[in-house]
PDB file of N, CA and C in Angstrom:
ATOM      1  N   MET A   1       5.286  10.610 -34.503  1.00  0.00           N
ATOM      2  CA  MET A   1       3.625  10.641 -33.480  1.00  0.00           C
ATOM      3  C   MET A   1       3.984   9.474 -32.634  1.00  0.00           C
ATOM      4  N   ASN A   2       4.067   9.496 -31.198  1.00  0.00           N
ATOM      5  CA  ASN A   2       4.258   8.236 -29.963  1.00  0.00           C
ATOM      6  C   ASN A   2       2.673   7.631 -30.412  1.00  0.00           C
ATOM      7  N   ALA A   3       3.292   6.416 -29.795  1.00  0.00           N
ATOM      8  CA  ALA A   3       1.837   6.190 -29.814  1.00  0.00           C
ATOM      9  C   ALA A   3       0.482   7.016 -28.315  1.00  0.00           C
ATOM     10  N   VAL A   4       1.156   7.540 -27.419  1.00  0.00           N
ATOM     11  CA  VAL A   4       0.415   8.082 -26.901  1.00  0.00           C
ATOM     12  C   VAL A   4      -0.539   9.287 -27.325  1.00  0.00           C
ATOM     13  N   GLY A   5       0.624  10.152 -28.346  1.00  0.00           N
ATOM     14  CA  GLY A   5      -0.181  10.949 -28.675  1.00  0.00           C
ATOM     15  C   GLY A   5      -0.952  10.553 -29.915  1.00  0.00           C
ATOM     16  N   GLU A   6      -1.013   9.433 -30.824  1.00  0.00           N
ATOM     17  CA  GLU A   6      -1.784   9.268 -31.747  1.00  0.00           C
ATOM     18  C   GLU A   6      -3.101   8.407 -30.566  1.00  0.00           C
ATOM     19  N   ARG A   7      -3.092   7.566 -29.146  1.00  0.00           N
ATOM     20  CA  ARG A   7      -4.242   7.559 -29.306  1.00  0.00           C
ATOM     21  C   ARG A   7      -4.777   9.165 -28.161  1.00  0.00           C
ATOM     22  N   LEU A   8      -4.202   9.888 -27.906  1.00  0.00           N
ATOM     23  CA  LEU A   8      -5.090  10.840 -28.066  1.00  0.00           C
ATOM     24  C   LEU A   8      -5.889  11.179 -28.843  1.00  0.00           C
ATOM     25  N   ARG A   9      -5.321  11.964 -30.064  1.00  0.00           N
ATOM     26  CA  ARG A   9      -5.809  12.098 -30.872  1.00  0.00           C
ATOM     27  C   ARG A   9      -6.835  11.425 -31.436  1.00  0.00           C
ATOM     28  N   GLU A  10      -6.691   9.798 -31.126  1.00  0.00           N
ATOM     29  CA  GLU A  10      -8.073   8.845 -31.766  1.00  0.00           C
ATOM     30  C   GLU A  10      -8.917   9.422 -30.408  1.00  0.00           C
ATOM     31  N   GLU A  11      -9.502   9.466 -29.291  1.00  0.00           N
ATOM     32  CA  GLU A  11     -10.145   9.819 -28.520  1.00  0.00           C
ATOM     33  C   GLU A  11     -10.454  10.918 -28.773  1.00  0.00           C
ATOM     34  N   ARG A  12      -9.734  12.224 -28.838  1.00  0.00           N
ATOM     35  CA  ARG A  12      -9.990  13.549 -29.402  1.00  0.00           C
ATOM     36  C   ARG A  12     -11.189  13.597 -30.812  1.00  0.00           C
ATOM     37  N   GLU A  13     -10.957  12.546 -31.870  1.00  0.00           N
ATOM     38  CA  GLU A  13     -11.715  12.355 -33.249  1.00  0.00           C
ATOM     39  C   GLU A  13     -12.869  11.360 -32.057  1.00  0.00           C
ATOM     40  N   ARG A  14     -12.475  10.366 -31.247  1.00  0.00           N
ATOM     41  CA  ARG A  14     -14.113   9.542 -31.257  1.00  0.00           C
ATOM     42  C   ARG A  14     -14.866  10.450 -30.396  1.00  0.00           C
ATOM     43  N   LEU A  15     -15.085  11.614 -29.703  1.00  0.00           N
ATOM     44  CA  LEU A  15     -15.483  12.284 -29.061  1.00  0.00           C
ATOM     45  C   LEU A  15     -15.857  13.909 -29.760  1.00  0.00           C
ATOM     46  N   SER A  16     -15.392  13.978 -31.251  1.00  0.00           N
ATOM     47  CA  SER A  16     -15.817  14.523 -32.345  1.00  0.00           C
ATOM     48  C   SER A  16     -15.361  16.164 -31.812  1.00  0.00           C
ATOM     49  N   LEU A  17     -14.241  15.894 -30.803  1.00  0.00           N
ATOM     50  CA  LEU A  17     -13.659  17.252 -30.592  1.00  0.00           C
ATOM     51  C   LEU A  17     -12.432  17.875 -31.514  1.00  0.00           C
ATOM     52  N   ASN A  18     -12.385  19.463 -31.719  1.00  0.00           N
ATOM     53  CA  ASN A  18     -11.794  19.482 -32.567  1.00  0.00           C
ATOM     54  C   ASN A  18     -10.002  19.916 -31.174  1.00  0.00           C
ATOM     55  N   GLN A  19      -9.085  20.155 -31.164  1.00  0.00           N
ATOM     56  CA  GLN A  19      -8.188  20.150 -30.707  1.00  0.00           C
ATOM     57  C   GLN A  19      -8.278  21.461 -29.458  1.00  0.00           C
ATOM     58  N   GLU A  20      -9.016  22.552 -29.885  1.00  0.00           N
ATOM     59  CA  GLU A  20      -9.074  23.408 -29.033  1.00  0.00           C
ATOM     60  C   GLU A  20     -10.205  22.762 -28.081  1.00  0.00           C
ATOM     61  N   ALA A  21     -11.728  22.550 -28.368  1.00  0.00           N
ATOM     62  CA  ALA A  21     -12.126  22.060 -27.193  1.00  0.00           C
ATOM     63  C   ALA A  21     -11.556  21.052 -26.552  1.00  0.00           C
ATOM     64  N   PHE A  22     -10.929  20.176 -27.194  1.00  0.00           N
ATOM     65  CA  PHE A  22     -10.438  18.794 -26.419  1.00  0.00           C
ATOM     66  C   PHE A  22      -9.258  19.307 -24.805  1.00  0.00           C
ATOM     67  N   GLY A  23      -8.458  20.016 -25.469  1.00  0.00           N
ATOM     68  CA  GLY A  23      -7.556  20.422 -24.806  1.00  0.00           C
ATOM     69  C   GLY A  23      -7.860  21.328 -23.528  1.00  0.00           C
ATOM     70  N   HIS A  24      -9.515  22.153 -23.572  1.00  0.00           N
ATOM     71  CA  HIS A  24     -10.039  23.031 -22.970  1.00  0.00           C
ATOM     72  C   HIS A  24     -10.208  21.621 -21.452  1.00  0.00           C
ATOM     73  N   LEU A  25     -10.194  20.558 -22.095  1.00  0.00           N
ATOM     74  CA  LEU A  25     -11.092  19.599 -21.074  1.00  0.00           C
ATOM     75  C   LEU A  25     -10.016  19.291 -20.191  1.00  0.00           C
ATOM     76  N   GLY A  26      -8.428  19.335 -20.551  1.00  0.00           N
ATOM     77  CA  GLY A  26      -7.491  19.486 -19.746  1.00  0.00           C
ATOM     78  C   GLY A  26      -7.204  20.550 -19.394  1.00  0.00           C
ATOM     79  N   GLY A  27      -7.300  21.443 -19.408  1.00  0.00           N
ATOM     80  CA  GLY A  27      -7.180  22.688 -19.104  1.00  0.00           C
ATOM     81  C   GLY A  27      -5.843  23.279 -19.766  1.00  0.00           C
ATOM     82  N   VAL A  28      -5.739  23.227 -21.340  1.00  0.00           N
ATOM     83  CA  VAL A  28      -4.571  23.359 -22.070  1.00  0.00           C
ATOM     84  C   VAL A  28      -5.481  24.438 -22.770  1.00  0.00           C
ATOM     85  N   ASN A  29      -3.784  24.689 -23.832  1.00  0.00           N
ATOM     86  CA  ASN A  29      -4.265  25.766 -25.300  1.00  0.00           C
ATOM     87  C   ASN A  29      -4.123  24.803 -26.400  1.00  0.00           C
ATOM     88  N   ARG A  30      -5.238  24.972 -27.154  1.00  0.00           N
ATOM     89  CA  ARG A  30      -4.920  24.433 -28.423  1.00  0.00           C
ATOM     90  C   ARG A  30      -3.559  24.009 -29.176  1.00  0.00           C
ATOM     91  N   ASN A  31      -2.424  24.730 -28.998  1.00  0.00           N
ATOM     92  CA  ASN A  31      -1.013  24.473 -29.177  1.00  0.00           C
ATOM     93  C   ASN A  31      -0.404  23.421 -28.146  1.00  0.00           C
ATOM     94  N   THR A  32      -0.732  23.701 -26.877  1.00  0.00           N
ATOM     95  CA  THR A  32      -0.363  22.625 -25.899  1.00  0.00           C
ATOM     96  C   THR A  32      -0.905  21.155 -25.917  1.00  0.00           C
ATOM     97  N   GLN A  33      -2.347  20.943 -27.332  1.00  0.00           N
ATOM     98  CA  GLN A  33      -2.945  19.696 -27.105  1.00  0.00           C
ATOM     99  C   GLN A  33      -2.348  19.447 -28.567  1.00  0.00           C
ATOM    100  N   ALA A  34      -1.793  20.343 -29.506  1.00  0.00           N
ATOM    101  CA  ALA A  34      -0.796  20.030 -30.773  1.00  0.00           C
ATOM    102  C   ALA A  34      -0.049  19.395 -30.059  1.00  0.00           C
ATOM    103  N   LYS A  35       1.047  19.587 -29.086  1.00  0.00           N
ATOM    104  CA  LYS A  35       2.165  19.064 -28.912  1.00  0.00           C
ATOM    105  C   LYS A  35       1.790  17.754 -28.268  1.00  0.00           C
ATOM    106  N   TYR A  36       1.278  17.537 -27.825  1.00  0.00           N
ATOM    107  CA  TYR A  36       0.771  16.614 -26.945  1.00  0.00           C
ATOM    108  C   TYR A  36       0.744  15.157 -27.855  1.00  0.00           C
ATOM    109  N   GLU A  37      -0.437  15.896 -29.268  1.00  0.00           N
ATOM    110  CA  GLU A  37      -0.403  14.724 -30.121  1.00  0.00           C
ATOM    111  C   GLU A  37       0.610  14.864 -31.144  1.00  0.00           C
ATOM    112  N   LYS A  38       1.463  15.705 -30.770  1.00  0.00           N
ATOM    113  CA  LYS A  38       2.802  15.126 -32.112  1.00  0.00           C
ATOM    114  C   LYS A  38       4.070  14.946 -31.457  1.00  0.00           C
ATOM    115  N   ALA A  39       3.970  14.648 -29.992  1.00  0.00           N
ATOM    116  CA  ALA A  39       4.970  13.735 -29.289  1.00  0.00           C
ATOM    117  C   ALA A  39       6.441  15.100 -28.908  1.00  0.00           C
ATOM    118  N   GLU A  40       5.600  15.957 -28.940  1.00  0.00           N
ATOM    119  CA  GLU A  40       6.633  17.045 -28.905  1.00  0.00           C
ATOM    120  C   GLU A  40       6.594  17.446 -27.321  1.00  0.00           C
ATOM    121  N   ARG A  41       5.715  17.580 -26.615  1.00  0.00           N
ATOM    122  CA  ARG A  41       5.752  17.273 -25.031  1.00  0.00           C
ATOM    123  C   ARG A  41       4.864  16.194 -24.482  1.00  0.00           C
ATOM    124  N   ASN A  42       5.091  15.850 -22.694  1.00  0.00           N
ATOM    125  CA  ASN A  42       4.205  15.266 -22.583  1.00  0.00           C
ATOM    126  C   ASN A  42       3.126  15.631 -21.672  1.00  0.00           C
ATOM    127  N   PRO A  43       2.283  14.953 -21.568  1.00  0.00           N
ATOM    128  CA  PRO A  43       1.069  15.313 -20.818  1.00  0.00           C
ATOM    129  C   PRO A  43       1.108  14.955 -19.212  1.00  0.00           C
ATOM    130  N   ASP A  44       0.848  16.122 -18.478  1.00  0.00           N
ATOM    131  CA  ASP A  44       1.222  16.172 -16.992  1.00  0.00           C
ATOM    132  C   ASP A  44       0.015  15.291 -16.619  1.00  0.00           C
ATOM    133  N   SER A  45      -0.447  15.118 -15.207  1.00  0.00           N
ATOM    134  CA  SER A  45      -1.671  14.463 -14.154  1.00  0.00           C
ATOM    135  C   SER A  45      -2.706  15.239 -14.435  1.00  0.00           C
ATOM    136  N   ALA A  46      -2.573  16.854 -13.721  1.00  0.00           N
ATOM    137  CA  ALA A  46      -3.824  17.220 -14.365  1.00  0.00           C
ATOM    138  C   ALA A  46      -4.497  17.610 -15.550  1.00  0.00           C
ATOM    139  N   TYR A  47      -3.769  17.345 -16.620  1.00  0.00           N
ATOM    140  CA  TYR A  47      -4.441  17.323 -17.901  1.00  0.00           C
ATOM    141  C   TYR A  47      -5.174  16.068 -18.376  1.00  0.00           C
ATOM    142  N   LEU A  48      -4.792  14.897 -17.283  1.00  0.00           N
ATOM    143  CA  LEU A  48      -5.028  14.142 -17.919  1.00  0.00           C
ATOM    144  C   LEU A  48      -6.310  13.511 -16.896  1.00  0.00           C
ATOM    145  N   ILE A  49      -6.332  14.062 -15.678  1.00  0.00           N
ATOM    146  CA  ILE A  49      -7.360  13.613 -14.924  1.00  0.00           C
ATOM    147  C   ILE A  49      -8.523  14.600 -15.230  1.00  0.00           C
ATOM    148  N   GLY A  50      -8.435  15.781 -15.867  1.00  0.00           N
ATOM    149  CA  GLY A  50      -9.816  16.507 -16.491  1.00  0.00           C
ATOM    150  C   GLY A  50     -10.270  15.681 -17.606  1.00  0.00           C
ATOM    151  N   LEU A  51      -9.494  14.748 -18.378  1.00  0.00           N
ATOM    152  CA  LEU A  51      -9.748  14.080 -19.792  1.00  0.00           C
ATOM    153  C   LEU A  51     -10.685  13.388 -19.172  1.00  0.00           C
ATOM    154  N   SER A  52     -10.245  12.269 -17.966  1.00  0.00           N
ATOM    155  CA  SER A  52     -10.770  11.092 -17.551  1.00  0.00           C
ATOM    156  C   SER A  52     -12.435  11.638 -17.109  1.00  0.00           C
ATOM    157  N   ALA A  53     -12.829  12.899 -16.083  1.00  0.00           N
ATOM    158  CA  ALA A  53     -13.493  13.525 -16.243  1.00  0.00           C
ATOM    159  C   ALA A  53     -14.540  13.805 -16.773  1.00  0.00           C
ATOM    160  N   ALA A  54     -13.744  13.874 -18.344  1.00  0.00           N
ATOM    161  CA  ALA A  54     -14.551  14.317 -19.164  1.00  0.00           C
ATOM    162  C   ALA A  54     -15.068  12.922 -20.266  1.00  0.00           C
ATOM    163  N   GLY A  55     -14.505  11.971 -19.923  1.00  0.00           N
ATOM    164  CA  GLY A  55     -14.858  10.411 -20.761  1.00  0.00           C
ATOM    165  C   GLY A  55     -13.893  10.434 -21.168  1.00  0.00           C
ATOM    166  N   VAL A  56     -13.084  10.739 -21.467  1.00  0.00           N
ATOM    167  CA  VAL A  56     -11.794   9.707 -21.921  1.00  0.00           C
ATOM    168  C   VAL A  56     -11.344   8.696 -22.001  1.00  0.00           C
ATOM    169  N   ASP A  57     -11.025   7.247 -22.168  1.00  0.00           N
ATOM    170  CA  ASP A  57     -10.517   6.561 -21.729  1.00  0.00           C
ATOM    171  C   ASP A  57      -9.420   6.200 -21.836  1.00  0.00           C
ATOM    172  N   LEU A  58      -8.779   6.632 -20.902  1.00  0.00           N
ATOM    173  CA  LEU A  58      -7.079   7.099 -19.571  1.00  0.00           C
ATOM    174  C   LEU A  58      -6.433   5.475 -20.485  1.00  0.00           C
ATOM    175  N   LEU A  59      -7.118   4.211 -20.087  1.00  0.00           N
ATOM    176  CA  LEU A  59      -6.500   3.225 -19.947  1.00  0.00           C
ATOM    177  C   LEU A  59      -5.817   2.959 -21.610  1.00  0.00           C
ATOM    178  N   TYR A  60      -7.083   3.592 -22.194  1.00  0.00           N
ATOM    179  CA  TYR A  60      -6.327   3.309 -23.596  1.00  0.00           C
ATOM    180  C   TYR A  60      -5.078   4.169 -23.934  1.00  0.00           C
ATOM    181  N   VAL A  61      -5.491   5.688 -23.551  1.00  0.00           N
ATOM    182  CA  VAL A  61      -4.514   6.381 -24.113  1.00  0.00           C
ATOM    183  C   VAL A  61      -2.991   6.357 -23.462  1.00  0.00           C
ATOM    184  N   LEU A  62      -3.052   5.671 -22.740  1.00  0.00           N
ATOM    185  CA  LEU A  62      -2.091   5.332 -21.616  1.00  0.00           C
ATOM    186  C   LEU A  62      -1.303   4.112 -22.063  1.00  0.00           C
ATOM    187  N   THR A  63      -2.114   2.939 -22.485  1.00  0.00           N
ATOM    188  CA  THR A  63      -1.568   1.484 -22.688  1.00  0.00           C
ATOM    189  C   THR A  63      -2.048   0.663 -23.764  1.00  0.00           C
ATOM    190  N   GLY A  64      -3.181   1.392 -24.692  1.00  0.00           N
ATOM    191  CA  GLY A  64      -3.362   0.882 -26.092  1.00  0.00           C
ATOM    192  C   GLY A  64      -4.492  -0.159 -25.530  1.00  0.00           C
ATOM    193  N   ARG A  65      -4.857   0.134 -24.613  1.00  0.00           N
ATOM    194  CA  ARG A  65      -5.743  -1.586 -24.446  1.00  0.00           C
ATOM    195  C   ARG A  65      -7.315  -0.621 -23.647  1.00  0.00           C
ATOM    196  N   ARG A  66      -8.748  -0.941 -24.331  1.00  0.00           N
ATOM    197  CA  ARG A  66      -9.767  -0.275 -24.047  1.00  0.00           C
ATOM    198  C   ARG A  66      -9.871  -0.446 -22.579  1.00  0.00           C
ATOM    199  N   LEU A  67     -11.002   0.088 -22.046  1.00  0.00           N
ATOM    200  CA  LEU A  67     -11.772  -0.640 -20.639  1.00  0.00           C
ATOM    201  C   LEU A  67     -12.483  -1.320 -21.149  1.00  0.00           C
ATOM    202  N   PRO A  68     -13.084  -2.195 -20.074  1.00  0.00           N
ATOM    203  CA  PRO A  68     -14.653  -2.809 -20.502  1.00  0.00           C
ATOM    204  C   PRO A  68     -15.593  -2.437 -20.423  1.00  0.00           C
ATOM    205  N   PRO A  69     -16.132  -2.808 -21.576  1.00  0.00           N
ATOM    206  CA  PRO A  69     -17.878  -2.382 -21.767  1.00  0.00           C
ATOM    207  C   PRO A  69     -18.587  -2.183 -20.066  1.00  0.00           C
ATOM    208  N   PRO A  70     -19.040  -1.354 -19.797  1.00  0.00           N
ATOM    209  CA  PRO A  70     -19.818  -1.232 -18.522  1.00  0.00           C
ATOM    210  C   PRO A  70     -21.349  -2.183 -18.207  1.00  0.00           C
ATOM    211  N   GLU A  71     -21.514  -2.348 -17.415  1.00  0.00           N
ATOM    212  CA  GLU A  71     -22.188  -3.485 -17.195  1.00  0.00           C
ATOM    213  C   GLU A  71     -23.646  -3.187 -17.170  1.00  0.00           C
ATOM    214  N   GLU A  72     -23.934  -1.815 -17.816  1.00  0.00           N
ATOM    215  CA  GLU A  72     -25.177  -0.961 -18.097  1.00  0.00           C
ATOM    216  C   GLU A  72     -25.729  -1.845 -19.549  1.00  0.00           C
ATOM    217  N   SER A  73     -24.130  -1.655 -20.524  1.00  0.00           N
ATOM    218  CA  SER A  73     -24.353  -2.516 -21.581  1.00  0.00           C
ATOM    219  C   SER A  73     -24.982  -4.208 -21.590  1.00  0.00           C
ATOM    220  N   LEU A  74     -24.998  -4.442 -20.567  1.00  0.00           N
ATOM    221  CA  LEU A  74     -25.281  -6.324 -19.988  1.00  0.00           C
ATOM    222  C   LEU A  74     -27.317  -5.806 -20.046  1.00  0.00           C
ATOM    223  N   GLY A  75     -27.706  -7.159 -20.573  1.00  0.00           N
ATOM    224  CA  GLY A  75     -28.979  -7.250 -20.202  1.00  0.00           C
ATOM    225  C   GLY A  75     -29.501  -7.615 -18.814  1.00  0.00           C
ATOM    226  N   THR A  76     -31.131  -6.718 -18.775  1.00  0.00           N
ATOM    227  CA  THR A  76     -31.773  -7.335 -17.478  1.00  0.00           C
ATOM    228  C   THR A  76     -31.368  -8.384 -16.485  1.00  0.00           C
ATOM    229  N   ASP A  77     -31.246  -9.704 -17.460  1.00  0.00           N
ATOM    230  CA  ASP A  77     -31.444 -11.052 -16.949  1.00  0.00           C
ATOM    231  C   ASP A  77     -29.773 -11.350 -16.564  1.00  0.00           C
ATOM    232  N   GLU A  78     -28.698 -10.797 -17.480  1.00  0.00           N
ATOM    233  CA  GLU A  78     -27.420 -11.022 -17.053  1.00  0.00           C
ATOM    234  C   GLU A  78     -27.400  -9.787 -16.064  1.00  0.00           C
ATOM    235  N   THR A  79     -27.478  -9.180 -15.860  1.00  0.00           N
ATOM    236  CA  THR A  79     -27.028  -8.228 -14.382  1.00  0.00           C
ATOM    237  C   THR A  79     -27.679  -8.763 -13.155  1.00  0.00           C
ATOM    238  N   GLU A  80     -28.486  -9.356 -13.371  1.00  0.00           N
ATOM    239  CA  GLU A  80     -29.565 -10.438 -12.224  1.00  0.00           C
ATOM    240  C   GLU A  80     -28.621 -10.934 -11.689  1.00  0.00           C
ATOM    241  N   LEU A  81     -28.002 -11.889 -12.998  1.00  0.00           N
ATOM    242  CA  LEU A  81     -27.092 -13.586 -12.740  1.00  0.00           C
ATOM    243  C   LEU A  81     -26.311 -12.804 -12.260  1.00  0.00           C
ATOM    244  N   LEU A  82     -24.956 -12.059 -12.618  1.00  0.00           N
ATOM    245  CA  LEU A  82     -24.340 -11.753 -12.372  1.00  0.00           C
ATOM    246  C   LEU A  82     -24.259 -10.905 -10.890  1.00  0.00           C
ATOM    247  N   ASN A  83     -24.956 -10.093 -10.433  1.00  0.00           N
ATOM    248  CA  ASN A  83     -24.866  -9.669  -9.023  1.00  0.00           C
ATOM    249  C   ASN A  83     -25.214 -10.450  -8.163  1.00  0.00           C
ATOM    250  N   SER A  84     -25.943 -11.487  -8.652  1.00  0.00           N
ATOM    251  CA  SER A  84     -26.191 -12.955  -7.357  1.00  0.00           C
ATOM    252  C   SER A  84     -25.151 -13.513  -7.476  1.00  0.00           C
ATOM    253  N   PHE A  85     -24.189 -14.417  -8.616  1.00  0.00           N
ATOM    254  CA  PHE A  85     -23.178 -14.676  -8.733  1.00  0.00           C
ATOM    255  C   PHE A  85     -22.088 -14.245  -7.971  1.00  0.00           C
ATOM    256  N   ARG A  86     -21.913 -12.825  -7.326  1.00  0.00           N
ATOM    257  CA  ARG A  86     -21.343 -11.730  -6.877  1.00  0.00           C
ATOM    258  C   ARG A  86     -21.632 -12.347  -5.404  1.00  0.00           C
ATOM    259  N   LYS A  87     -22.650 -12.800  -5.052  1.00  0.00           N
ATOM    260  CA  LYS A  87     -22.883 -12.959  -3.262  1.00  0.00           C
ATOM    261  C   LYS A  87     -22.796 -14.118  -3.196  1.00  0.00           C
ATOM    262  N   LEU A  88     -22.077 -15.225  -3.794  1.00  0.00           N
ATOM    263  CA  LEU A  88     -22.050 -16.807  -3.350  1.00  0.00           C
ATOM    264  C   LEU A  88     -20.000 -16.807  -3.088  1.00  0.00           C
ATOM    265  N   THR A  89     -20.822 -17.584  -2.085  1.00  0.00           N
ATOM    266  CA  THR A  89     -18.711 -18.153  -1.931  1.00  0.00           C
ATOM    267  C   THR A  89     -18.264 -18.356  -3.034  1.00  0.00           C
ATOM    268  N   LEU A  90     -17.169 -19.408  -2.172  1.00  0.00           N
ATOM    269  CA  LEU A  90     -16.103 -19.054  -3.651  1.00  0.00           C
ATOM    270  C   LEU A  90     -16.441 -20.578  -4.122  1.00  0.00           C
ATOM    271  N   ALA A  91     -16.998 -21.660  -2.955  1.00  0.00           N
ATOM    272  CA  ALA A  91     -17.045 -22.936  -3.586  1.00  0.00           C
ATOM    273  C   ALA A  91     -18.512 -22.690  -4.387  1.00  0.00           C
ATOM    274  N   ASP A  92     -19.763 -22.234  -3.657  1.00  0.00           N
ATOM    275  CA  ASP A  92     -20.442 -22.068  -4.735  1.00  0.00           C
ATOM    276  C   ASP A  92     -20.184 -21.865  -5.976  1.00  0.00           C
ATOM    277  N   LYS A  93     -19.453 -20.611  -6.387  1.00  0.00           N
ATOM    278  CA  LYS A  93     -19.117 -19.562  -7.922  1.00  0.00           C
ATOM    279  C   LYS A  93     -18.449 -20.844  -8.224  1.00  0.00           C
ATOM    280  N   ALA A  94     -17.480 -21.754  -7.496  1.00  0.00           N
ATOM    281  CA  ALA A  94     -17.192 -22.832  -8.644  1.00  0.00           C
ATOM    282  C   ALA A  94     -18.264 -23.664  -9.310  1.00  0.00           C
ATOM    283  N   ALA A  95     -18.893 -24.174  -8.188  1.00  0.00           N
ATOM    284  CA  ALA A  95     -20.244 -24.712  -8.334  1.00  0.00           C
ATOM    285  C   ALA A  95     -20.794 -24.338  -9.987  1.00  0.00           C
ATOM    286  N   VAL A  96     -21.415 -23.305  -9.664  1.00  0.00           N
ATOM    287  CA  VAL A  96     -21.637 -22.106 -10.926  1.00  0.00           C
ATOM    288  C   VAL A  96     -21.175 -22.240 -12.094  1.00  0.00           C
ATOM    289  N   LEU A  97     -20.068 -21.773 -12.196  1.00  0.00           N
ATOM    290  CA  LEU A  97     -18.754 -22.240 -13.125  1.00  0.00           C
ATOM    291  C   LEU A  97     -18.846 -23.348 -14.114  1.00  0.00           C
ATOM    292  N   ARG A  98     -18.613 -24.449 -13.491  1.00  0.00           N
ATOM    293  CA  ARG A  98     -18.392 -26.157 -13.832  1.00  0.00           C
ATOM    294  C   ARG A  98     -20.623 -26.428 -14.624  1.00  0.00           C
ATOM    295  N   LEU A  99     -21.270 -25.997 -13.991  1.00  0.00           N
ATOM    296  CA  LEU A  99     -22.592 -25.755 -14.331  1.00  0.00           C
ATOM    297  C   LEU A  99     -22.742 -25.539 -15.578  1.00  0.00           C
ATOM    298  N   THR A 100     -22.429 -24.145 -15.752  1.00  0.00           N
ATOM    299  CA  THR A 100     -22.618 -23.244 -16.702  1.00  0.00           C
ATOM    300  C   THR A 100     -21.342 -24.069 -18.108  1.00  0.00           C
ATOM    301  N   ALA A 101     -19.775 -23.804 -17.527  1.00  0.00           N
ATOM    302  CA  ALA A 101     -19.662 -24.895 -18.878  1.00  0.00           C
ATOM    303  C   ALA A 101     -20.038 -25.945 -19.527  1.00  0.00           C
ATOM    304  N   ALA A 102     -20.821 -26.569 -18.323  1.00  0.00           N
ATOM    305  CA  ALA A 102     -21.328 -28.103 -18.577  1.00  0.00           C
ATOM    306  C   ALA A 102     -22.759 -27.607 -19.755  1.00  0.00           C
ATOM    307  N   LEU A 103     -23.473 -26.717 -19.268  1.00  0.00           N
ATOM    308  CA  LEU A 103     -24.491 -26.398 -19.577  1.00  0.00           C
ATOM    309  C   LEU A 103     -24.201 -26.407 -21.750  1.00  0.00           C
ATOM    310  N   ALA A 104     -23.592 -24.618 -21.006  1.00  0.00           N
ATOM    311  CA  ALA A 104     -23.051 -24.610 -22.253  1.00  0.00           C
ATOM    312  C   ALA A 104     -22.204 -25.532 -23.981  1.00  0.00           C
ATOM    313  N   GLU A 105     -21.976 -26.328 -23.227  1.00  0.00           N
ATOM    314  CA  GLU A 105     -21.067 -27.963 -23.804  1.00  0.00           C
ATOM    315  C   GLU A 105     -22.001 -28.507 -24.736  1.00  0.00           C
ATOM    316  N   THR A 106     -23.361 -28.838 -23.949  1.00  0.00           N
ATOM    317  CA  THR A 106     -24.141 -29.797 -24.183  1.00  0.00           C
ATOM    318  C   THR A 106     -25.215 -28.570 -25.022  1.00  0.00           C
ATOM    319  N   THR A 107     -25.728 -28.220 -25.070  1.00  0.00           N
ATOM    320  CA  THR A 107     -26.232 -26.716 -25.344  1.00  0.00           C
ATOM    321  C   THR A 107     -25.874 -26.149 -26.623  1.00  0.00           C
ATOM    322  N   GLY A 108     -25.021 -26.052 -27.256  1.00  0.00           N
ATOM    323  CA  GLY A 108     -24.373 -25.291 -27.723  1.00  0.00           C
ATOM    324  C   GLY A 108     -24.317 -24.005 -27.742  1.00  0.00           C
ATOM    325  N   THR A 109     -24.060 -23.117 -28.783  1.00  0.00           N
ATOM    326  CA  THR A 109     -23.799 -21.736 -28.086  1.00  0.00           C
ATOM    327  C   THR A 109     -24.875 -20.880 -29.226  1.00  0.00           C
ATOM    328  N   THR A 110     -25.789 -19.594 -28.395  1.00  0.00           N
ATOM    329  CA  THR A 110     -27.155 -19.159 -28.708  1.00  0.00           C
ATOM    330  C   THR A 110     -26.505 -17.949 -27.744  1.00  0.00           C
ATOM    331  N   ASN A 111     -27.029 -16.799 -28.604  1.00  0.00           N
ATOM    332  CA  ASN A 111     -26.774 -15.781 -28.126  1.00  0.00           C
ATOM    333  C   ASN A 111     -28.507 -15.102 -27.605  1.00  0.00           C
ATOM    334  N   SER A 112     -29.233 -15.512 -26.855  1.00  0.00           N
ATOM    335  CA  SER A 112     -30.692 -14.906 -27.007  1.00  0.00           C
ATOM    336  C   SER A 112     -30.763 -15.243 -25.508  1.00  0.00           C
TER     337      SER A 112
END
C-alpha cells in the first residue's frame, strides 16, 4: 500500500465508512475504492473533488499534512482578537506581536 492509499483508508475509517460508502462519495464502486487503497489504481480529480465535498481532508490524503483546525475552534475572545488583528496596518501588527511576545515572557504561559 502506498502513502496515498493508506491515508485514503485512514480518512475512510475516520469518517466511519466502509469502502462502498466512501467510494460512493467520490463516485466509484467498492472495488475501485479498494484498488485506490491498495495503490493498484490512482484516484482521478473527479473522485477527489467528491471526497473533498464530503469533508475528507484532501491535504492530508495527498501530502500527509492535516488542515489547520477551523477558526470555529477558537474561543470568542480569540476570534475577536484575530478579527481585530487582521484589520491592522503592517506596522501596527508588528507592534502587537512585539507587545504580546513581551507580555508572554513576563507573565509566563497560561492557557485560560
